Amino acid sequence: MTSAATSARAARPDVPREVRLASTAVFVVFLLAGWNFASWASRLPAVRDALDLRPDQMGLLLLVGSFGSLLALPLSGIVVERLGARRTVLGFGVLNAIGYGVACVGVATGQVVVVGAGLVLAGVGTGVWDASMNLEGAVVEQRLGRTVMPRYHAGFSFGTMAAASGAAAVVAGLHVPVQVHLPVAVALSSVVLALAVRAFLADPTAAGASPATGPDADPAAAAPAPRGARAALGAWLEPRTLLVGLVVLAAALTEGAANDWVSLAVVDGFDTGHAVGALGFGLFVTAMTAMRLLGTRLLDRYGRVAVLRLCAGLAAAGLLVFGLADHLWLALLGVVAWGAGAALGFPVGMSAAADDPLRAAQRVAVVSTIGYSAFLAGPPLLGLLAERVGYQEALLAILVPVVLGLLVTSAARPLPAPGTASGTASRAPGDVA
């Protein structure tokens, strides 16, 4: 080990072992969420063929699952308050697996209604699981004293790649039916999930948790935080929380538009094959994952606001290049910038919503609900627009939410740290007003 590395290590306080274990556990939980999602999404062609559905019917079926998430998310804060993040993640992760199991029964029997019912269950599980794992991630991040949330979201990306490009590709190539592959995949993930959550930290938002006390405790923080339905409604009336939700909404639309349409836009816009369309999507995911890994250093060095502005600029530039490019190579360069720009809005928004641990559950629920509404409304609206102007040109519409998100990035500036007058102790250089 070099002397510089030794002094850097000595300059940083030792992180307690339970916090390091919890950080690993959160990464694994994010990875498993991506694994479950991609295990289903990667087999959609087989589901479509088994049910003999038209494209519009398939879109409606997928919309049903999105409704499940959107309906459950506003209640996720109350659930986490009652159960704590550990039991919430496990319970709703298992519900997600059960929902996919029910959907597989529908696929095997040819009953579209049963598939839809399973997707609603899976969607409810996904939404609350997502909010609670982000909340635990924020708690661990605060205990670590450095930015790690983007790495957890990179874990989700790794999970999707492992499921889609690895396991699902193999079983599809071996012609394993969906109703065999998917239950095994989600059952295995549920076992690993049950083991991972055991390392979660005690949740300060759970019922019965006490705020910090002692001579250095902040008197405002020592007061009990409001809970229940009234607190959930109150979070929807907080200007900062709503503006952070807008930042997350813009990021979700920017990411979701690529997930749904970039491969089709490459194929149709440049008259190329499906393999090149898949390459375009692969470049987007790779750029987004790389930026999430790099983003932790950028956020610690320059602060949330500066990095979010950088990302918005990259996303806008990438979308403009992709939407207006006449040459494939130039469009693919645009995809890379687009992917990097879409990477950090969602994880940074979750961290910002959870700045105050005692009010984090309700605020994360609000921000998650606003963000997930993008996945509900975005795909069909872009599809209608693409019907008139083409996929490539339709994606330029995402510039509108990107610009709106850019205008409100200052809302993600960290809240004042407990016990400080200005909160500058909790801010990186780019966050100082």
Protein backbone atom coordinates (compact mmCIF):
# COMPACT_ATOMS: atom_id res chain seq x y z
CA MET A 1 0.00 0.00 0.00
CA THR A 2 1.39 3.44 -0.92
CA SER A 3 2.02 6.14 1.68
CA ALA A 4 -0.63 8.34 0.02
CA ALA A 5 -3.23 5.61 0.31
CA THR A 6 -2.24 4.99 3.92
CA SER A 7 -2.62 8.66 4.84
CA ALA A 8 -5.94 8.89 2.98
CA ARG A 9 -7.22 5.92 4.90
CA ALA A 10 -5.98 7.37 8.18
CA ALA A 11 -7.70 10.67 7.40
CA ARG A 12 -11.09 8.97 7.15
CA PRO A 13 -12.76 7.68 10.29
CA ASP A 14 -13.26 3.95 10.41
CA VAL A 15 -16.69 2.88 9.23
CA PRO A 16 -18.36 0.48 11.67
CA ARG A 17 -18.56 -3.09 10.41
CA GLU A 18 -22.36 -3.19 10.64
CA VAL A 19 -22.58 -0.14 8.35
CA ARG A 20 -20.29 -1.73 5.77
CA LEU A 21 -22.34 -4.94 5.88
CA ALA A 22 -25.55 -2.95 5.52
CA SER A 23 -24.12 -1.15 2.49
CA THR A 24 -23.32 -4.46 0.82
CA ALA A 25 -26.79 -5.74 1.69
CA VAL A 26 -28.46 -2.70 0.12
CA PHE A 27 -26.42 -3.19 -3.07
CA VAL A 28 -27.54 -6.83 -3.21
CA VAL A 29 -31.18 -5.85 -2.67
CA PHE A 30 -31.02 -3.35 -5.54
CA LEU A 31 -29.40 -6.02 -7.72
CA LEU A 32 -32.19 -8.47 -6.89
CA ALA A 33 -34.84 -5.89 -7.78
CA GLY A 34 -33.21 -5.52 -11.19
CA TRP A 35 -32.96 -9.30 -11.51
CA ASN A 36 -36.68 -9.82 -10.90
CA PHE A 37 -37.71 -7.03 -13.26
CA ALA A 38 -35.49 -8.19 -16.12
CA SER A 39 -36.32 -11.88 -15.61
CA TRP A 40 -39.91 -10.97 -16.53
CA ALA A 41 -39.21 -8.21 -19.08
CA SER A 42 -36.70 -10.29 -21.03
CA ARG A 43 -39.32 -13.03 -21.60
CA LEU A 44 -42.06 -10.71 -22.90
CA PRO A 45 -41.78 -11.99 -26.49
CA ALA A 46 -42.52 -15.49 -25.21
CA VAL A 47 -45.42 -14.16 -23.12
CA ARG A 48 -46.84 -12.36 -26.15
CA ASP A 49 -46.61 -15.48 -28.30
CA ALA A 50 -48.15 -17.73 -25.63
CA LEU A 51 -51.13 -15.38 -25.22
CA ASP A 52 -51.31 -14.41 -28.92
CA LEU A 53 -51.58 -10.71 -28.14
CA ARG A 54 -51.43 -7.78 -30.54
CA PRO A 55 -48.99 -4.93 -29.76
CA ASP A 56 -51.75 -2.67 -28.40
CA GLN A 57 -53.06 -5.49 -26.17
CA MET A 58 -49.56 -6.18 -24.91
CA GLY A 59 -49.10 -2.51 -24.08
CA LEU A 60 -52.35 -2.47 -22.14
CA LEU A 61 -51.33 -5.56 -20.19
CA LEU A 62 -48.03 -3.96 -19.17
CA LEU A 63 -49.85 -0.77 -18.21
CA VAL A 64 -51.85 -2.78 -15.67
CA GLY A 65 -48.67 -3.66 -13.79
CA SER A 66 -47.60 -0.02 -13.75
CA PHE A 67 -50.92 0.90 -12.15
CA GLY A 68 -50.17 -1.55 -9.35
CA SER A 69 -46.94 0.27 -8.53
CA LEU A 70 -48.48 3.71 -8.80
CA LEU A 71 -51.39 2.85 -6.52
CA ALA A 72 -49.14 1.32 -3.85
CA LEU A 73 -46.38 3.93 -3.75
CA PRO A 74 -48.31 6.72 -1.96
CA LEU A 75 -48.91 4.28 0.91
CA SER A 76 -45.33 3.02 1.06
CA GLY A 77 -44.27 5.65 3.60
CA ILE A 78 -46.95 4.53 6.07
CA VAL A 79 -46.00 0.89 5.52
CA VAL A 80 -42.31 1.54 6.18
CA GLU A 81 -43.17 3.54 9.29
CA ARG A 82 -45.11 0.58 10.66
CA LEU A 83 -42.82 -2.26 9.62
CA GLY A 84 -39.38 -0.73 9.10
CA ALA A 85 -37.35 -1.07 5.90
CA ARG A 86 -36.14 -4.62 6.68
CA ARG A 87 -39.57 -6.24 6.93
CA THR A 88 -41.04 -4.03 4.20
CA VAL A 89 -38.36 -4.97 1.65
CA LEU A 90 -38.69 -8.66 2.45
CA GLY A 91 -42.48 -8.72 2.54
CA PHE A 92 -43.03 -6.80 -0.65
CA GLY A 93 -40.14 -8.52 -2.41
CA VAL A 94 -41.90 -11.81 -1.74
CA LEU A 95 -45.19 -10.27 -2.94
CA ASN A 96 -43.42 -9.27 -6.14
CA ALA A 97 -42.26 -12.87 -6.62
CA ILE A 98 -45.77 -14.22 -5.89
CA GLY A 99 -47.23 -11.81 -8.44
CA TYR A 100 -44.89 -13.05 -11.15
CA GLY A 101 -45.77 -16.61 -10.16
CA VAL A 102 -49.47 -15.86 -10.62
CA ALA A 103 -48.72 -14.26 -13.99
CA CYS A 104 -46.93 -17.44 -15.03
CA VAL A 105 -50.01 -19.48 -14.15
CA GLY A 106 -51.97 -17.21 -16.47
CA VAL A 107 -49.41 -17.69 -19.24
CA ALA A 108 -49.54 -21.47 -18.83
CA THR A 109 -53.35 -21.54 -18.94
CA GLY A 110 -53.77 -18.84 -21.56
CA GLN A 111 -55.78 -16.62 -19.18
CA VAL A 112 -54.92 -12.97 -19.82
CA VAL A 113 -56.98 -11.85 -16.80
CA VAL A 114 -54.88 -14.04 -14.50
CA VAL A 115 -51.70 -12.61 -16.01
CA GLY A 116 -53.03 -9.10 -15.39
CA ALA A 117 -53.92 -9.92 -11.77
CA GLY A 118 -50.41 -11.30 -11.23
CA LEU A 119 -48.85 -8.17 -12.71
CA VAL A 120 -50.89 -5.97 -10.37
CA LEU A 121 -49.53 -7.93 -7.39
CA ALA A 122 -46.02 -7.77 -8.81
CA GLY A 123 -46.43 -4.03 -9.40
CA VAL A 124 -47.54 -3.41 -5.82
CA GLY A 125 -44.56 -5.42 -4.59
CA THR A 126 -42.19 -3.57 -6.91
CA GLY A 127 -43.35 -0.10 -5.89
CA VAL A 128 -43.14 -0.54 -2.12
CA TRP A 129 -39.95 -2.62 -2.37
CA ASP A 130 -38.37 0.15 -4.43
CA ALA A 131 -39.32 2.94 -2.02
CA SER A 132 -38.19 1.03 1.07
CA MET A 133 -34.85 -0.07 -0.37
CA ASN A 134 -34.13 3.52 -1.40
CA LEU A 135 -34.96 4.61 2.12
CA GLU A 136 -32.57 2.06 3.64
CA GLY A 137 -29.95 3.12 1.11
CA ALA A 138 -30.31 6.73 2.24
CA VAL A 139 -29.96 5.71 5.91
CA VAL A 140 -26.75 3.79 5.13
CA GLU A 141 -25.44 6.64 3.00
CA GLN A 142 -25.88 9.05 5.91
CA ARG A 143 -24.08 6.67 8.27
CA LEU A 144 -21.21 6.26 5.81
CA GLY A 145 -20.84 10.02 5.46
CA ARG A 146 -20.29 9.87 1.71
CA THR A 147 -22.36 9.45 -1.45
CA VAL A 148 -23.16 5.86 -2.38
CA MET A 149 -26.76 5.94 -3.63
CA PRO A 150 -25.76 6.00 -7.33
CA ARG A 151 -23.76 2.79 -6.79
CA TYR A 152 -26.83 1.09 -5.37
CA HIS A 153 -28.76 2.08 -8.49
CA ALA A 154 -25.87 0.74 -10.56
CA GLY A 155 -26.50 -2.52 -8.70
CA PHE A 156 -30.04 -2.50 -10.14
CA SER A 157 -28.51 -2.11 -13.61
CA PHE A 158 -26.14 -5.01 -12.98
CA GLY A 159 -29.11 -7.13 -11.92
CA THR A 160 -30.98 -6.37 -15.13
CA MET A 161 -27.93 -7.20 -17.22
CA ALA A 162 -27.34 -10.47 -15.37
CA ALA A 163 -30.95 -11.53 -15.79
CA ALA A 164 -31.53 -10.37 -19.36
CA SER A 165 -28.14 -10.94 -20.99
CA GLY A 166 -27.23 -13.95 -18.86
CA ALA A 167 -29.85 -16.24 -17.38
CA ALA A 168 -32.81 -15.30 -19.58
CA ALA A 169 -30.78 -15.48 -22.78
CA VAL A 170 -29.61 -18.98 -21.89
CA VAL A 171 -33.00 -20.38 -20.89
CA ALA A 172 -34.69 -18.77 -23.89
CA GLY A 173 -32.08 -20.34 -26.14
CA LEU A 174 -32.84 -23.71 -24.54
CA HIS A 175 -36.59 -23.12 -25.07
CA VAL A 176 -37.36 -23.29 -21.35
CA PRO A 177 -40.98 -22.12 -20.88
CA VAL A 178 -41.61 -18.87 -19.06
CA GLN A 179 -43.73 -20.69 -16.49
CA VAL A 180 -40.67 -22.77 -15.53
CA HIS A 181 -37.92 -20.17 -15.78
CA LEU A 182 -39.55 -17.23 -14.01
CA PRO A 183 -40.79 -18.95 -10.81
CA VAL A 184 -37.35 -20.49 -10.28
CA ALA A 185 -35.62 -17.13 -10.88
CA VAL A 186 -37.79 -15.15 -8.44
CA ALA A 187 -37.81 -17.92 -5.83
CA LEU A 188 -34.00 -17.91 -5.77
CA SER A 189 -33.97 -14.12 -5.49
CA SER A 190 -36.42 -14.26 -2.57
CA VAL A 191 -34.08 -16.59 -0.67
CA VAL A 192 -31.12 -14.26 -1.23
CA LEU A 193 -33.31 -11.29 -0.31
CA ALA A 194 -34.25 -12.87 3.03
CA LEU A 195 -30.55 -13.32 3.82
CA ALA A 196 -29.54 -9.82 2.68
CA VAL A 197 -32.07 -7.82 4.71
CA ARG A 198 -30.76 -9.37 7.93
CA ALA A 199 -27.81 -6.96 7.60
CA PHE A 200 -29.99 -3.85 7.34
CA LEU A 201 -29.49 -1.14 9.95
CA ALA A 202 -32.11 -0.34 12.56
CA ASP A 203 -34.56 1.94 10.80
CA PRO A 204 -35.02 5.37 12.38
CA THR A 205 -38.35 5.77 10.56
CA ALA A 206 -39.89 2.60 11.97
CA ALA A 207 -42.54 2.72 14.64
CA GLY A 208 -40.95 2.77 18.05
CA ALA A 209 -37.63 4.25 16.93
CA SER A 210 -36.44 7.14 19.02
CA PRO A 211 -34.74 10.28 17.76
CA ALA A 212 -31.22 11.02 18.86
CA THR A 213 -30.81 12.45 22.33
CA GLY A 214 -27.89 13.82 24.31
CA PRO A 215 -25.96 17.06 24.71
CA ASP A 216 -25.15 17.34 20.99
CA ALA A 217 -28.62 16.43 19.73
CA ASP A 218 -30.56 18.99 17.71
CA PRO A 219 -33.65 20.08 19.71
CA ALA A 220 -35.74 20.24 16.53
CA ALA A 221 -34.70 16.72 15.60
CA ALA A 222 -35.52 15.48 19.09
CA ALA A 223 -39.21 16.29 18.60
CA PRO A 224 -41.24 13.32 17.37
CA ALA A 225 -41.92 13.40 13.65
CA PRO A 226 -45.53 13.36 12.44
CA ARG A 227 -46.74 9.94 11.32
CA GLY A 228 -49.69 8.24 9.66
CA ALA A 229 -52.10 9.45 6.99
CA ARG A 230 -51.90 13.11 8.06
CA ALA A 231 -48.11 13.09 7.71
CA ALA A 232 -48.40 11.34 4.34
CA LEU A 233 -50.74 14.08 3.10
CA GLY A 234 -48.52 16.77 4.60
CA ALA A 235 -45.53 15.54 2.59
CA TRP A 236 -47.51 16.20 -0.60
CA LEU A 237 -47.81 19.86 0.44
CA GLU A 238 -44.07 20.48 0.93
CA PRO A 239 -42.66 22.64 -1.90
CA ARG A 240 -39.14 21.21 -1.66
CA THR A 241 -40.39 17.62 -1.76
CA LEU A 242 -42.52 18.33 -4.83
CA LEU A 243 -39.61 20.03 -6.61
CA VAL A 244 -37.31 17.09 -5.83
CA GLY A 245 -40.09 14.90 -7.24
CA LEU A 246 -39.95 16.96 -10.44
CA VAL A 247 -36.20 16.33 -10.69
CA VAL A 248 -36.87 12.59 -10.33
CA LEU A 249 -39.76 12.76 -12.81
CA ALA A 250 -37.50 14.32 -15.43
CA ALA A 251 -34.84 11.66 -14.82
CA ALA A 252 -37.39 8.84 -14.95
CA LEU A 253 -38.83 10.09 -18.24
CA THR A 254 -35.32 10.44 -19.67
CA GLU A 255 -34.41 6.89 -18.64
CA GLY A 256 -37.79 5.30 -19.35
CA ALA A 257 -37.99 6.74 -22.87
CA ALA A 258 -34.72 5.03 -23.75
CA ASN A 259 -35.74 1.74 -22.13
CA ASP A 260 -38.92 1.63 -24.18
CA TRP A 261 -38.05 3.24 -27.49
CA VAL A 262 -34.35 3.70 -28.24
CA SER A 263 -33.87 0.30 -29.91
CA LEU A 264 -36.96 0.82 -32.09
CA ALA A 265 -35.82 4.36 -32.93
CA VAL A 266 -32.42 3.06 -34.07
CA VAL A 267 -33.94 0.30 -36.20
CA ASP A 268 -36.63 2.43 -37.83
CA GLY A 269 -34.73 5.72 -38.03
CA PHE A 270 -31.65 4.27 -39.69
CA ASP A 271 -33.19 1.29 -41.49
CA THR A 272 -30.92 -1.19 -39.74
CA GLY A 273 -31.27 -4.61 -38.15
CA HIS A 274 -32.50 -5.66 -34.72
CA ALA A 275 -28.96 -6.38 -33.56
CA VAL A 276 -27.96 -2.74 -34.08
CA GLY A 277 -31.10 -1.65 -32.21
CA ALA A 278 -30.05 -3.87 -29.31
CA LEU A 279 -26.57 -2.33 -29.51
CA GLY A 280 -28.09 1.12 -29.15
CA PHE A 281 -29.95 0.09 -26.00
CA GLY A 282 -26.83 -1.64 -24.69
CA LEU A 283 -24.81 1.55 -25.14
CA PHE A 284 -27.42 3.51 -23.20
CA VAL A 285 -27.44 1.07 -20.26
CA THR A 286 -23.64 0.85 -20.22
CA ALA A 287 -23.22 4.64 -20.20
CA MET A 288 -25.83 5.02 -17.46
CA THR A 289 -24.22 2.33 -15.28
CA ALA A 290 -20.73 3.80 -15.75
CA MET A 291 -21.97 7.26 -14.79
CA ARG A 292 -23.63 5.86 -11.66
CA LEU A 293 -20.32 4.31 -10.61
CA LEU A 294 -18.41 7.52 -11.38
CA GLY A 295 -21.13 9.73 -9.96
CA THR A 296 -20.34 8.97 -6.33
CA ARG A 297 -16.96 10.72 -6.63
CA LEU A 298 -18.42 13.61 -8.62
CA LEU A 299 -21.18 14.17 -6.06
CA ASP A 300 -18.81 14.13 -3.12
CA ARG A 301 -16.45 16.55 -4.88
CA TYR A 302 -18.83 18.99 -6.55
CA GLY A 303 -22.18 18.53 -4.79
CA ARG A 304 -25.64 17.54 -5.92
CA VAL A 305 -26.66 20.72 -7.72
CA ALA A 306 -23.60 21.03 -9.94
CA VAL A 307 -23.66 17.33 -10.89
CA LEU A 308 -27.40 17.35 -11.63
CA ARG A 309 -26.89 20.34 -13.90
CA LEU A 310 -24.07 18.51 -15.67
CA CYS A 311 -26.32 15.48 -16.14
CA ALA A 312 -29.20 17.56 -17.47
CA GLY A 313 -26.82 19.16 -19.97
CA LEU A 314 -25.52 15.77 -21.10
CA ALA A 315 -29.04 14.39 -21.46
CA ALA A 316 -30.22 17.40 -23.46
CA ALA A 317 -27.19 17.29 -25.75
CA GLY A 318 -27.52 13.54 -26.25
CA LEU A 319 -31.23 13.78 -27.06
CA LEU A 320 -30.64 16.60 -29.53
CA VAL A 321 -27.84 14.71 -31.28
CA PHE A 322 -29.85 11.48 -31.42
CA GLY A 323 -33.07 13.12 -32.56
CA LEU A 324 -31.47 15.20 -35.32
CA ALA A 325 -28.64 12.93 -36.46
CA ASP A 326 -28.57 11.71 -40.06
CA HIS A 327 -25.75 9.23 -39.47
CA LEU A 328 -25.94 6.17 -37.27
CA TRP A 329 -22.52 6.64 -35.65
CA LEU A 330 -23.47 10.16 -34.59
CA ALA A 331 -26.82 8.99 -33.19
CA LEU A 332 -25.04 6.33 -31.14
CA LEU A 333 -22.73 8.98 -29.69
CA GLY A 334 -25.86 10.84 -28.71
CA VAL A 335 -27.15 7.70 -26.98
CA VAL A 336 -24.00 7.54 -24.86
CA ALA A 337 -24.38 11.16 -23.70
CA TRP A 338 -28.10 10.57 -23.13
CA GLY A 339 -27.40 7.51 -20.96
CA ALA A 340 -24.79 9.36 -18.87
CA GLY A 341 -27.18 12.27 -18.41
CA ALA A 342 -30.05 10.04 -17.28
CA ALA A 343 -27.99 8.26 -14.63
CA LEU A 344 -28.06 10.33 -11.46
CA GLY A 345 -31.38 12.19 -11.20
CA PHE A 346 -33.27 9.27 -9.66
CA PRO A 347 -30.70 8.20 -7.01
CA VAL A 348 -29.84 11.79 -6.06
CA GLY A 349 -33.55 12.58 -5.74
CA MET A 350 -33.98 9.67 -3.35
CA SER A 351 -31.06 10.90 -1.24
CA ALA A 352 -32.50 14.42 -1.19
CA ALA A 353 -35.93 13.18 -0.14
CA ALA A 354 -34.36 11.28 2.77
CA ASP A 355 -32.15 14.10 4.10
CA ASP A 356 -34.23 14.28 7.29
CA PRO A 357 -34.29 10.66 8.60
CA LEU A 358 -37.41 11.18 10.74
CA ARG A 359 -39.46 12.39 7.76
CA ALA A 360 -37.74 10.33 5.10
CA ALA A 361 -40.38 7.60 4.70
CA GLN A 362 -43.18 9.97 3.69
CA ARG A 363 -40.99 12.13 1.48
CA VAL A 364 -39.43 9.17 -0.33
CA ALA A 365 -42.96 7.86 -0.94
CA VAL A 366 -44.00 11.17 -2.53
CA VAL A 367 -40.89 11.46 -4.69
CA SER A 368 -41.11 7.80 -5.77
CA THR A 369 -44.78 8.21 -6.72
CA ILE A 370 -44.03 11.26 -8.84
CA GLY A 371 -41.11 9.47 -10.50
CA TYR A 372 -43.03 6.28 -11.21
CA SER A 373 -45.84 8.24 -12.85
CA ALA A 374 -43.34 8.84 -15.66
CA PHE A 375 -43.18 5.12 -16.37
CA LEU A 376 -46.97 5.05 -16.48
CA ALA A 377 -47.66 8.05 -18.70
CA GLY A 378 -44.46 8.35 -20.71
CA PRO A 379 -44.48 5.24 -22.94
CA PRO A 380 -48.05 5.56 -24.30
CA LEU A 381 -47.70 9.31 -24.90
CA LEU A 382 -44.43 8.85 -26.78
CA GLY A 383 -46.03 6.00 -28.73
CA LEU A 384 -48.87 8.26 -29.86
CA LEU A 385 -46.40 10.96 -30.87
CA ALA A 386 -44.17 8.46 -32.69
CA GLU A 387 -47.19 7.30 -34.69
CA ARG A 388 -47.31 10.79 -36.24
CA VAL A 389 -43.68 11.92 -36.50
CA GLY A 390 -41.55 8.79 -36.08
CA TYR A 391 -39.66 7.33 -33.13
CA GLN A 392 -36.48 9.34 -33.53
CA GLU A 393 -38.23 12.71 -33.71
CA ALA A 394 -40.74 11.83 -30.96
CA LEU A 395 -37.93 11.33 -28.45
CA LEU A 396 -37.04 15.02 -28.79
CA ALA A 397 -40.13 15.69 -26.66
CA ILE A 398 -38.14 14.44 -23.64
CA LEU A 399 -36.17 17.70 -23.85
CA VAL A 400 -39.13 19.44 -22.17
CA PRO A 401 -38.93 17.55 -18.85
CA VAL A 402 -35.12 17.64 -18.99
CA VAL A 403 -35.19 21.45 -19.12
CA LEU A 404 -37.84 21.61 -16.36
CA GLY A 405 -35.69 19.34 -14.19
CA LEU A 406 -32.68 21.55 -14.86
CA LEU A 407 -34.57 24.63 -13.66
CA VAL A 408 -35.35 23.09 -10.25
CA THR A 409 -32.12 21.21 -9.48
CA SER A 410 -31.38 23.56 -6.57
CA ALA A 411 -34.24 21.87 -4.66
CA ALA A 412 -31.97 18.83 -4.22
CA ARG A 413 -29.44 20.84 -2.21
CA PRO A 414 -28.89 19.05 1.15
CA LEU A 415 -30.92 20.17 4.13
CA PRO A 416 -28.98 21.75 7.03
CA ALA A 417 -27.20 19.14 9.11
CA PRO A 418 -28.58 18.69 12.67
CA GLY A 419 -26.85 21.00 15.12
CA THR A 420 -25.58 23.49 12.51
CA ALA A 421 -26.87 26.93 11.80
CA SER A 422 -26.46 26.93 8.05
CA GLY A 423 -26.05 23.32 7.14
CA THR A 424 -22.85 23.98 5.21
CA ALA A 425 -21.21 21.09 7.02
CA SER A 426 -23.44 18.71 5.10
CA ARG A 427 -22.81 20.27 1.71
CA ALA A 428 -20.23 19.58 -0.93
CA PRO A 429 -18.68 22.61 -2.70
CA GLY A 430 -21.20 22.58 -5.53
CA ASP A 431 -24.11 22.70 -3.07
CA VAL A 432 -23.16 25.94 -1.38
CA ALA A 433 -25.53 28.72 -2.42
